[in-house]
């Protein structure tokens, strides 16, 4: 079975397991048959949901002999904090959080994600300090975005 067919089969087996507000962000299969599935959920994806899906999917992959020699590993998780947002749904979920947007021209815009439409995001940022501080908003088309990362403040 080709790599593309393996991915397609894994996706078909995964679909019925994705319930509630859980959605697929990405799937990667390494040459070592290491399958990495990144899921997210509008209400947050707890470890228990990942474990449940991992166990069920592992069994289905085995039963369907997706990997002929039976040698594979499976990881189901949410994308790491350093992973850029990939889907429109992730932007919506992260509204209200601070983001760093890398534009196609390699300039960066940092601010709070305050709005998401079908074609654009709206971020708010403050320039200047104290009395000279000015809060501004900028609308950025998705077509202008190379990548967006959520900024975590400690």
Protein backbone atom coordinates (compact mmCIF):
# COMPACT_ATOMS: atom_id res chain seq x y z
CA UNK A 1 0.00 0.00 0.00
CA UNK A 2 1.45 3.39 -0.97
CA UNK A 3 2.05 6.11 1.65
CA UNK A 4 -0.89 8.12 0.20
CA UNK A 5 -3.18 5.08 0.44
CA UNK A 6 -2.04 4.45 4.02
CA UNK A 7 -2.84 8.05 4.98
CA UNK A 8 -6.21 7.85 3.21
CA UNK A 9 -7.08 4.59 5.01
CA UNK A 10 -6.04 6.00 8.39
CA UNK A 11 -8.20 9.09 7.70
CA UNK A 12 -11.19 6.89 6.84
CA UNK A 13 -10.72 4.91 10.06
CA UNK A 14 -10.28 8.11 12.09
CA UNK A 15 -13.36 10.01 10.84
CA UNK A 16 -15.99 8.10 12.88
CA UNK A 17 -13.87 8.51 16.03
CA UNK A 18 -13.83 12.31 15.79
CA UNK A 19 -16.94 13.32 17.68
CA UNK A 20 -18.37 16.38 19.40
CA UNK A 21 -16.34 19.47 18.55
CA UNK A 22 -13.07 17.61 17.82
CA UNK A 23 -11.47 18.25 14.44
CA UNK A 24 -8.42 17.06 12.52
CA UNK A 25 -5.59 19.58 12.16
CA UNK A 26 -2.89 17.46 10.50
CA UNK A 27 -1.74 13.92 9.88
CA UNK A 28 1.85 12.90 9.19
CA UNK A 29 3.29 9.47 8.46
CA UNK A 30 7.06 9.08 8.67
CA UNK A 31 8.96 6.45 6.64
CA UNK A 32 9.32 4.48 9.89
CA UNK A 33 5.50 4.05 9.92
CA UNK A 34 5.22 6.52 12.78
CA UNK A 35 1.76 8.07 12.45
CA UNK A 36 1.26 11.46 14.07
CA UNK A 37 -2.28 12.77 14.24
CA UNK A 38 -2.93 16.29 15.48
CA UNK A 39 -6.44 17.00 16.70
CA UNK A 40 -8.01 20.03 18.31
CA UNK A 41 -11.42 20.85 19.76
CA UNK A 42 -13.36 24.07 20.03
CA UNK A 43 -13.77 23.48 23.77
CA UNK A 44 -10.22 22.24 24.27
CA UNK A 45 -8.79 18.78 23.75
CA UNK A 46 -8.04 16.94 26.95
CA UNK A 47 -5.57 14.08 27.23
CA UNK A 48 -8.39 11.60 27.93
CA UNK A 49 -9.94 12.28 24.50
CA UNK A 50 -6.55 11.74 22.82
CA UNK A 51 -6.06 8.44 24.68
CA UNK A 52 -9.56 7.21 23.76
CA UNK A 53 -9.06 8.02 20.06
CA UNK A 54 -5.51 6.60 20.06
CA UNK A 55 -6.62 3.24 21.50
CA UNK A 56 -9.60 2.89 19.15
CA UNK A 57 -7.65 3.96 16.07
CA UNK A 58 -4.66 1.72 16.88
CA UNK A 59 -6.97 -1.29 17.04
CA UNK A 60 -8.63 -0.36 13.72
CA UNK A 61 -5.27 0.12 11.97
CA UNK A 62 -4.18 -3.33 13.19
CA UNK A 63 -7.46 -5.01 12.21
CA UNK A 64 -7.36 -3.47 8.72
CA UNK A 65 -3.68 -4.39 8.15
CA UNK A 66 -2.85 -0.86 7.00
CA UNK A 67 0.85 -1.62 7.45
CA UNK A 68 1.54 -5.03 5.95
CA UNK A 69 4.29 -6.02 8.38
CA UNK A 70 2.17 -4.77 11.29
CA UNK A 71 5.01 -2.53 12.43
CA UNK A 72 3.76 0.99 13.18
CA UNK A 73 3.47 3.51 15.98
CA UNK A 74 0.66 5.98 16.58
CA UNK A 75 0.63 9.32 18.37
CA UNK A 76 -2.57 11.30 18.83
CA UNK A 77 -2.20 14.75 20.36
CA UNK A 78 -3.14 18.37 20.05
CA UNK A 79 -0.68 20.50 18.07
CA UNK A 80 2.20 21.72 20.19
CA UNK A 81 2.18 25.30 21.37
CA UNK A 82 4.93 26.07 18.86
CA UNK A 83 2.88 24.74 15.92
CA UNK A 84 1.41 27.44 13.69
CA UNK A 85 -2.34 27.68 13.23
CA UNK A 86 -3.40 25.82 10.08
CA UNK A 87 -7.17 25.91 9.96
CA UNK A 88 -9.75 28.71 9.99
CA UNK A 89 -11.40 26.89 12.90
CA UNK A 90 -8.18 27.22 14.95
CA UNK A 91 -8.18 30.99 14.37
CA UNK A 92 -11.77 31.20 15.61
CA UNK A 93 -10.93 29.07 18.66
CA UNK A 94 -7.97 31.33 19.52
CA UNK A 95 -9.86 34.64 19.25
CA UNK A 96 -8.92 36.80 22.22
CA UNK A 97 -5.39 35.41 22.48
CA UNK A 98 -2.12 37.13 21.59
CA UNK A 99 -0.67 36.04 18.26
CA UNK A 100 2.37 36.64 16.12
CA UNK A 101 1.57 36.76 12.41
CA UNK A 102 4.36 36.26 9.89
CA UNK A 103 3.34 37.83 6.60
CA UNK A 104 4.36 36.62 3.16
CA UNK A 105 6.84 39.53 2.92
CA UNK A 106 8.42 38.16 6.17
CA UNK A 107 7.33 41.12 8.30
CA UNK A 108 5.72 40.32 11.64
CA UNK A 109 2.63 41.72 13.30
CA UNK A 110 1.98 40.96 16.95
CA UNK A 111 -1.24 41.66 18.78
CA UNK A 112 -4.49 40.28 20.14
CA UNK A 113 -6.58 38.30 17.68
CA UNK A 114 -9.95 40.05 18.02
CA UNK A 115 -11.80 38.92 14.93
CA UNK A 116 -11.90 36.25 12.24
CA UNK A 117 -13.92 36.34 9.03
CA UNK A 118 -13.88 33.97 6.11
CA UNK A 119 -11.05 35.87 4.40
CA UNK A 120 -9.33 37.97 7.10
CA UNK A 121 -8.20 38.19 10.68
CA UNK A 122 -8.30 41.35 12.78
CA UNK A 123 -5.57 41.97 15.33
CA UNK A 124 -5.29 44.78 17.85
CA UNK A 125 -1.99 46.16 19.08
CA UNK A 126 -0.67 49.12 21.01
CA UNK A 127 2.14 51.36 19.76
CA UNK A 128 4.01 53.78 21.97
CA UNK A 129 4.12 53.98 25.75
CA UNK A 130 2.18 55.66 28.54
CA UNK A 131 0.30 58.80 27.34
CA UNK A 132 1.54 58.34 23.78
CA UNK A 133 0.20 54.80 23.58
CA UNK A 134 -2.18 54.32 20.67
CA UNK A 135 -4.24 51.20 20.21
CA UNK A 136 -4.71 50.24 16.59
CA UNK A 137 -6.37 47.47 14.66
CA UNK A 138 -5.18 45.91 11.44
CA UNK A 139 -7.05 43.56 9.15
CA UNK A 140 -4.87 40.91 7.52
CA UNK A 141 -6.11 38.75 4.64
CA UNK A 142 -5.42 35.01 5.02
CA UNK A 143 -3.77 35.19 1.59
CA UNK A 144 -1.12 37.50 3.13
CA UNK A 145 -0.33 35.18 6.06
CA UNK A 146 2.65 32.85 5.90
CA UNK A 147 2.06 31.55 9.45
CA UNK A 148 0.41 32.51 12.72
CA UNK A 149 1.49 31.35 16.16
CA UNK A 150 -0.28 31.82 19.47
CA UNK A 151 1.91 33.63 21.99
CA UNK A 152 1.91 32.22 25.51
CA UNK A 153 2.52 34.59 28.41
CA UNK A 154 3.74 33.32 31.74
